[in-house]
N, C-alpha and C. Protein backbone atom coordinates (compact mmCIF):
# COMPACT_ATOMS: atom_id res chain seq x y z
N VAL A 1 0.91 -1.21 -0.02
CA VAL A 1 0.02 -0.04 -0.08
C VAL A 1 0.91 1.17 -0.02
N GLN A 2 0.55 2.15 -0.80
CA GLN A 2 1.29 3.46 -0.90
C GLN A 2 0.31 4.53 -0.45
N LEU A 3 0.71 5.51 0.26
CA LEU A 3 -0.08 6.46 0.89
C LEU A 3 0.46 7.82 0.49
N GLN A 4 -0.39 8.76 0.02
CA GLN A 4 0.04 10.07 -0.39
C GLN A 4 -0.83 11.16 0.35
N ALA A 5 -0.14 11.77 1.30
CA ALA A 5 -0.79 12.83 2.08
C ALA A 5 -0.70 14.17 1.44
N SER A 6 -1.78 15.02 1.57
CA SER A 6 -1.77 16.33 0.99
C SER A 6 -2.80 17.20 1.69
N GLY A 7 -2.79 18.46 1.38
CA GLY A 7 -3.72 19.39 1.96
C GLY A 7 -3.18 20.27 3.04
N GLY A 8 -1.95 20.12 3.42
CA GLY A 8 -1.47 20.92 4.51
C GLY A 8 -1.22 22.43 3.97
N GLY A 9 -0.88 23.25 4.92
CA GLY A 9 -0.47 24.69 4.48
C GLY A 9 -0.47 25.57 5.71
N LEU A 10 -0.35 26.88 5.44
CA LEU A 10 -0.18 27.91 6.38
C LEU A 10 -1.59 28.58 6.56
N VAL A 11 -2.10 28.59 7.74
CA VAL A 11 -3.42 29.19 8.02
C VAL A 11 -3.39 29.91 9.26
N GLN A 12 -4.43 30.82 9.44
CA GLN A 12 -4.58 31.50 10.74
C GLN A 12 -5.31 30.79 11.74
N ALA A 13 -5.06 31.15 12.99
CA ALA A 13 -5.91 30.51 14.09
C ALA A 13 -7.41 30.68 13.84
N GLY A 14 -8.17 29.64 14.11
CA GLY A 14 -9.53 29.79 13.78
C GLY A 14 -9.92 29.23 12.42
N ASP A 15 -9.01 29.09 11.47
CA ASP A 15 -9.22 28.71 10.11
C ASP A 15 -9.44 27.12 10.07
N TYR A 16 -9.73 26.62 8.94
CA TYR A 16 -9.90 25.18 8.87
C TYR A 16 -8.98 24.59 7.70
N LEU A 17 -8.81 23.39 7.65
CA LEU A 17 -7.99 22.65 6.46
C LEU A 17 -8.68 21.29 6.47
N ARG A 18 -8.54 20.65 5.33
CA ARG A 18 -9.00 19.30 5.02
C ARG A 18 -7.67 18.57 4.47
N LEU A 19 -7.15 17.66 5.19
CA LEU A 19 -6.15 16.82 4.71
C LEU A 19 -6.68 15.60 3.99
N SER A 20 -5.91 15.16 2.93
CA SER A 20 -6.40 13.99 2.31
C SER A 20 -5.24 12.99 2.26
N CYS A 21 -5.67 11.71 2.22
CA CYS A 21 -4.59 10.72 2.13
C CYS A 21 -4.98 9.66 1.06
N ALA A 22 -4.43 9.68 -0.12
CA ALA A 22 -4.81 8.83 -1.25
C ALA A 22 -3.94 7.48 -1.15
N ALA A 23 -4.74 6.43 -1.11
CA ALA A 23 -4.18 5.04 -1.01
C ALA A 23 -4.09 4.41 -2.43
N SER A 24 -3.00 3.64 -2.62
CA SER A 24 -2.87 2.99 -3.86
C SER A 24 -2.11 1.67 -3.61
N GLY A 25 -2.29 0.85 -4.54
CA GLY A 25 -1.59 -0.55 -4.44
C GLY A 25 -2.56 -1.54 -3.86
N ARG A 26 -2.17 -2.38 -2.88
CA ARG A 26 -3.08 -3.39 -2.30
C ARG A 26 -4.03 -2.71 -1.30
N THR A 27 -4.89 -1.91 -1.79
CA THR A 27 -5.79 -1.24 -0.83
C THR A 27 -6.91 -2.25 -0.16
N PHE A 28 -6.99 -3.37 -0.79
CA PHE A 28 -7.96 -4.43 -0.20
C PHE A 28 -7.46 -4.77 1.16
N ASN A 29 -6.16 -4.58 1.43
CA ASN A 29 -5.56 -4.87 2.73
C ASN A 29 -5.88 -3.99 3.77
N ILE A 30 -6.36 -2.79 3.51
CA ILE A 30 -6.63 -1.69 4.45
C ILE A 30 -7.90 -1.99 5.32
N LYS A 31 -7.62 -2.07 6.61
CA LYS A 31 -8.74 -2.31 7.65
C LYS A 31 -8.98 -0.98 8.29
N THR A 32 -7.91 -0.27 8.53
CA THR A 32 -8.14 1.05 9.40
C THR A 32 -7.06 2.01 8.79
N MET A 33 -7.51 3.30 8.73
CA MET A 33 -6.69 4.45 8.46
C MET A 33 -6.66 5.33 9.69
N ALA A 34 -5.47 5.86 9.98
CA ALA A 34 -5.42 6.77 11.01
C ALA A 34 -4.46 7.96 10.73
N TRP A 35 -4.66 9.05 11.41
CA TRP A 35 -3.88 10.21 11.32
C TRP A 35 -3.08 10.43 12.63
N PHE A 36 -1.82 10.77 12.39
CA PHE A 36 -0.95 11.17 13.52
C PHE A 36 -0.35 12.48 13.18
N ARG A 37 0.21 13.17 14.14
CA ARG A 37 1.06 14.35 13.91
C ARG A 37 2.22 14.37 14.87
N GLN A 38 3.21 15.18 14.32
CA GLN A 38 4.33 15.38 15.02
C GLN A 38 4.86 16.76 15.01
N ALA A 39 4.86 17.42 16.17
CA ALA A 39 5.22 18.72 16.32
C ALA A 39 6.77 18.83 16.55
N PRO A 40 7.44 19.84 16.28
CA PRO A 40 8.88 20.00 16.47
C PRO A 40 9.22 19.55 17.97
N GLY A 41 10.24 18.79 18.00
CA GLY A 41 10.62 18.37 19.33
C GLY A 41 9.76 17.34 20.19
N LYS A 42 8.70 16.96 19.49
CA LYS A 42 7.89 16.04 20.21
C LYS A 42 7.70 14.70 19.47
N GLU A 43 7.10 13.74 20.15
CA GLU A 43 6.98 12.48 19.53
C GLU A 43 5.62 12.53 18.70
N ARG A 44 5.59 11.52 17.77
CA ARG A 44 4.46 11.46 16.86
C ARG A 44 3.35 11.03 17.73
N ALA A 45 2.20 11.70 17.57
CA ALA A 45 0.88 11.41 18.33
C ALA A 45 -0.26 10.96 17.55
N PHE A 46 -0.99 10.00 18.09
CA PHE A 46 -2.15 9.57 17.40
C PHE A 46 -3.15 10.64 17.55
N LEU A 47 -4.08 10.83 16.39
CA LEU A 47 -5.04 11.79 16.47
C LEU A 47 -6.52 11.14 16.27
N ALA A 48 -6.67 10.29 15.21
CA ALA A 48 -7.82 9.76 14.99
C ALA A 48 -7.78 8.57 14.02
N ALA A 49 -8.75 7.64 14.00
CA ALA A 49 -8.68 6.46 13.16
C ALA A 49 -10.25 6.19 12.65
N VAL A 50 -10.24 5.55 11.46
CA VAL A 50 -11.54 5.21 10.90
C VAL A 50 -11.32 3.87 10.32
N THR A 51 -12.39 3.03 10.46
CA THR A 51 -12.36 1.68 9.79
C THR A 51 -12.70 1.86 8.38
N TRP A 52 -12.02 1.02 7.51
CA TRP A 52 -12.19 1.28 6.15
C TRP A 52 -13.47 0.98 5.46
N THR A 53 -14.09 -0.06 6.02
CA THR A 53 -15.37 -0.61 5.43
C THR A 53 -16.57 0.07 6.16
N GLY A 54 -16.48 -0.02 7.46
CA GLY A 54 -17.71 0.33 8.26
C GLY A 54 -17.73 1.83 8.50
N GLY A 55 -16.56 2.56 8.52
CA GLY A 55 -16.59 3.99 8.81
C GLY A 55 -16.70 4.33 10.24
N ARG A 56 -16.39 3.36 11.10
CA ARG A 56 -16.41 3.68 12.47
C ARG A 56 -15.19 4.50 12.79
N THR A 57 -15.32 5.49 13.84
CA THR A 57 -14.31 6.38 14.00
C THR A 57 -13.87 6.34 15.64
N TYR A 58 -12.70 6.78 15.81
CA TYR A 58 -12.06 6.81 17.14
C TYR A 58 -11.15 8.09 17.19
N TYR A 59 -11.23 8.89 18.24
CA TYR A 59 -10.46 10.17 18.42
C TYR A 59 -9.78 10.12 19.77
N THR A 60 -8.63 10.77 19.57
CA THR A 60 -8.00 11.12 20.94
C THR A 60 -8.66 12.34 21.35
N GLY A 61 -8.64 12.48 22.77
CA GLY A 61 -9.40 13.55 23.48
C GLY A 61 -9.05 14.91 23.04
N SER A 62 -7.85 15.27 22.60
CA SER A 62 -7.40 16.53 22.38
C SER A 62 -7.87 17.14 21.10
N VAL A 63 -8.47 16.36 20.20
CA VAL A 63 -8.96 16.79 18.94
C VAL A 63 -10.43 16.48 18.75
N LYS A 64 -10.96 15.72 19.58
CA LYS A 64 -12.31 15.28 19.49
C LYS A 64 -13.22 16.50 19.53
N GLY A 65 -14.20 16.66 18.64
CA GLY A 65 -15.05 17.75 18.49
C GLY A 65 -14.51 18.87 17.44
N ARG A 66 -13.27 18.86 17.21
CA ARG A 66 -12.70 19.79 16.31
C ARG A 66 -12.19 19.11 14.99
N PHE A 67 -11.77 17.90 15.14
CA PHE A 67 -11.26 17.19 13.93
C PHE A 67 -12.27 16.04 13.53
N THR A 68 -12.44 15.86 12.27
CA THR A 68 -13.38 14.77 11.85
C THR A 68 -12.54 13.87 10.82
N ILE A 69 -12.53 12.58 11.12
CA ILE A 69 -11.90 11.61 10.23
C ILE A 69 -12.86 10.94 9.25
N SER A 70 -12.78 10.76 8.12
CA SER A 70 -13.67 10.09 7.23
C SER A 70 -12.80 9.37 6.08
N ARG A 71 -13.56 8.62 5.26
CA ARG A 71 -12.97 7.95 4.18
C ARG A 71 -13.92 7.88 3.07
N ASP A 72 -13.43 7.69 1.79
CA ASP A 72 -14.25 7.53 0.59
C ASP A 72 -13.66 6.21 -0.03
N ASN A 73 -14.28 5.17 0.17
CA ASN A 73 -13.89 3.84 -0.34
C ASN A 73 -13.77 3.94 -1.88
N ALA A 74 -14.63 4.57 -2.58
CA ALA A 74 -14.66 4.65 -4.04
C ALA A 74 -13.41 5.32 -4.56
N LYS A 75 -13.02 6.27 -3.77
CA LYS A 75 -11.80 6.97 -4.15
C LYS A 75 -10.51 6.56 -3.55
N ASN A 76 -10.60 5.60 -2.64
CA ASN A 76 -9.41 4.94 -1.78
C ASN A 76 -8.78 6.27 -1.17
N THR A 77 -9.52 7.04 -0.61
CA THR A 77 -8.92 8.22 0.08
C THR A 77 -9.58 8.49 1.42
N GLY A 78 -8.68 8.78 2.38
CA GLY A 78 -9.03 9.11 3.71
C GLY A 78 -8.97 10.69 3.96
N TYR A 79 -9.66 11.17 4.87
CA TYR A 79 -9.68 12.64 5.00
C TYR A 79 -9.55 12.97 6.58
N LEU A 80 -8.98 14.16 6.75
CA LEU A 80 -9.04 14.69 8.12
C LEU A 80 -9.43 16.11 8.06
N GLN A 81 -10.70 16.45 8.41
CA GLN A 81 -11.17 17.65 8.48
C GLN A 81 -10.90 18.42 9.89
N MET A 82 -10.05 19.53 9.75
CA MET A 82 -9.63 20.18 11.05
C MET A 82 -10.29 21.55 11.04
N ASN A 83 -11.03 21.68 12.05
CA ASN A 83 -11.67 23.05 12.22
C ASN A 83 -11.16 23.81 13.47
N SER A 84 -11.47 25.04 13.47
CA SER A 84 -11.03 25.91 14.72
C SER A 84 -9.49 25.65 15.02
N LEU A 85 -8.70 25.81 14.02
CA LEU A 85 -7.24 25.42 14.17
C LEU A 85 -6.66 26.40 15.23
N LYS A 86 -5.67 25.88 15.98
CA LYS A 86 -4.96 26.59 17.00
C LYS A 86 -3.38 26.49 16.66
N PRO A 87 -2.62 27.58 17.08
CA PRO A 87 -1.21 27.51 16.90
C PRO A 87 -0.66 26.14 17.40
N GLU A 88 -1.11 25.52 18.43
CA GLU A 88 -0.60 24.23 18.87
C GLU A 88 -0.79 23.08 18.02
N ASP A 89 -1.71 23.41 17.00
CA ASP A 89 -1.89 22.30 16.00
C ASP A 89 -0.86 22.25 14.93
N THR A 90 0.13 23.17 15.03
CA THR A 90 1.18 23.17 14.09
C THR A 90 2.08 21.94 14.28
N ALA A 91 2.15 21.25 13.01
CA ALA A 91 2.88 19.97 13.07
C ALA A 91 2.89 19.39 11.76
N PHE A 92 3.74 18.24 11.57
CA PHE A 92 3.63 17.46 10.41
C PHE A 92 2.52 16.40 10.69
N TYR A 93 1.72 16.31 9.60
CA TYR A 93 0.50 15.26 9.83
C TYR A 93 0.79 14.20 8.84
N TYR A 94 0.61 12.92 9.43
CA TYR A 94 0.90 11.74 8.76
C TYR A 94 -0.39 10.82 8.76
N CYS A 95 -0.63 10.14 7.65
CA CYS A 95 -1.66 9.12 7.60
C CYS A 95 -1.00 7.82 7.61
N ALA A 96 -1.70 6.86 8.18
CA ALA A 96 -1.09 5.49 8.27
C ALA A 96 -2.30 4.50 8.10
N THR A 97 -1.97 3.24 7.64
CA THR A 97 -3.00 2.24 7.61
C THR A 97 -2.48 0.98 8.19
N ARG A 98 -3.49 0.18 8.66
CA ARG A 98 -3.11 -1.25 9.27
C ARG A 98 -4.02 -2.23 8.58
N SER A 99 -3.58 -3.28 8.49
CA SER A 99 -4.32 -4.54 7.78
C SER A 99 -5.10 -5.22 8.83
N GLY A 100 -4.88 -4.99 10.18
CA GLY A 100 -5.65 -5.63 11.16
C GLY A 100 -6.81 -4.70 11.58
N SER A 101 -7.81 -5.26 12.21
CA SER A 101 -8.96 -4.57 12.74
C SER A 101 -8.69 -3.98 14.02
N GLY A 102 -9.53 -3.13 14.48
CA GLY A 102 -9.38 -2.45 15.85
C GLY A 102 -8.66 -1.19 15.77
N PHE A 103 -8.92 -0.41 16.82
CA PHE A 103 -8.28 0.98 16.85
C PHE A 103 -7.09 0.89 17.79
N TYR A 104 -6.01 1.39 17.35
CA TYR A 104 -4.77 1.31 17.97
C TYR A 104 -4.03 2.72 17.86
N THR A 105 -3.48 3.09 18.94
CA THR A 105 -2.92 4.46 18.97
C THR A 105 -1.34 4.44 18.85
N PHE A 106 -0.80 3.28 18.87
CA PHE A 106 0.67 3.23 18.78
C PHE A 106 1.11 3.12 17.28
N GLU A 107 2.14 3.79 17.02
CA GLU A 107 2.79 3.95 15.63
C GLU A 107 3.05 2.43 15.17
N SER A 108 3.54 1.64 16.05
CA SER A 108 3.95 0.28 15.75
C SER A 108 3.04 -0.62 15.22
N GLU A 109 1.68 -0.21 15.43
CA GLU A 109 0.59 -1.03 15.02
C GLU A 109 0.15 -0.73 13.53
N TYR A 110 0.78 0.24 12.98
CA TYR A 110 0.40 0.53 11.65
C TYR A 110 1.46 0.13 10.65
N ASP A 111 1.10 -0.37 9.43
CA ASP A 111 1.89 -1.02 8.54
C ASP A 111 2.49 -0.03 7.49
N TYR A 112 1.68 0.87 7.05
CA TYR A 112 2.08 1.77 5.96
C TYR A 112 1.91 3.17 6.46
N TRP A 113 2.85 4.05 5.88
CA TRP A 113 2.75 5.46 6.26
C TRP A 113 2.96 6.41 5.04
N GLY A 114 2.16 7.41 5.11
CA GLY A 114 2.38 8.45 4.05
C GLY A 114 3.55 9.39 4.39
N GLN A 115 3.99 10.29 3.52
CA GLN A 115 5.12 11.04 3.70
C GLN A 115 4.94 12.30 4.56
N GLY A 116 3.74 12.65 4.95
CA GLY A 116 3.46 13.74 5.85
C GLY A 116 3.27 14.99 5.10
N THR A 117 2.38 15.84 5.69
CA THR A 117 2.07 17.11 5.10
C THR A 117 2.09 18.13 6.26
N GLN A 118 2.81 19.28 6.02
CA GLN A 118 3.03 20.33 7.03
C GLN A 118 1.79 21.24 7.22
N VAL A 119 1.45 21.40 8.48
CA VAL A 119 0.33 22.19 8.85
C VAL A 119 0.90 23.30 9.75
N THR A 120 0.74 24.58 9.52
CA THR A 120 1.28 25.66 10.23
C THR A 120 0.07 26.58 10.51
N VAL A 121 -0.13 26.78 11.82
CA VAL A 121 -1.21 27.73 12.23
C VAL A 121 -0.59 28.97 12.91
N SER A 122 -0.81 30.06 12.39
CA SER A 122 -0.29 31.32 12.94
C SER A 122 -1.35 31.94 13.88
N SER A 123 -0.85 32.65 14.85
CA SER A 123 -1.76 33.30 15.78
C SER A 123 -2.13 34.74 15.46
């Protein structure tokens, strides 16, 4: 599976962005897609995950209510809608997939990773 993340950019606090993650290759292996982010000097952190067929979602508490994860099976693409962005949301955002079921927040549980897309939120 190859993943291509896009949609990042420079925005002001309070703005919104929608990140996309296009999957190609053996997409039938995808059971779950997740988004992580890594801020400068910090470890990569789990944000949200969605099951590829059923569309069930799971969020970490820090973004629940502001971020929405979704997927479009027909397009083999996952999305992360980010609203009410804050300067502390500034980070590299990565999408990842796993071939197993269940929601996991550890990087090691994910098989494939996109290259990341930079999100910068100015105050």
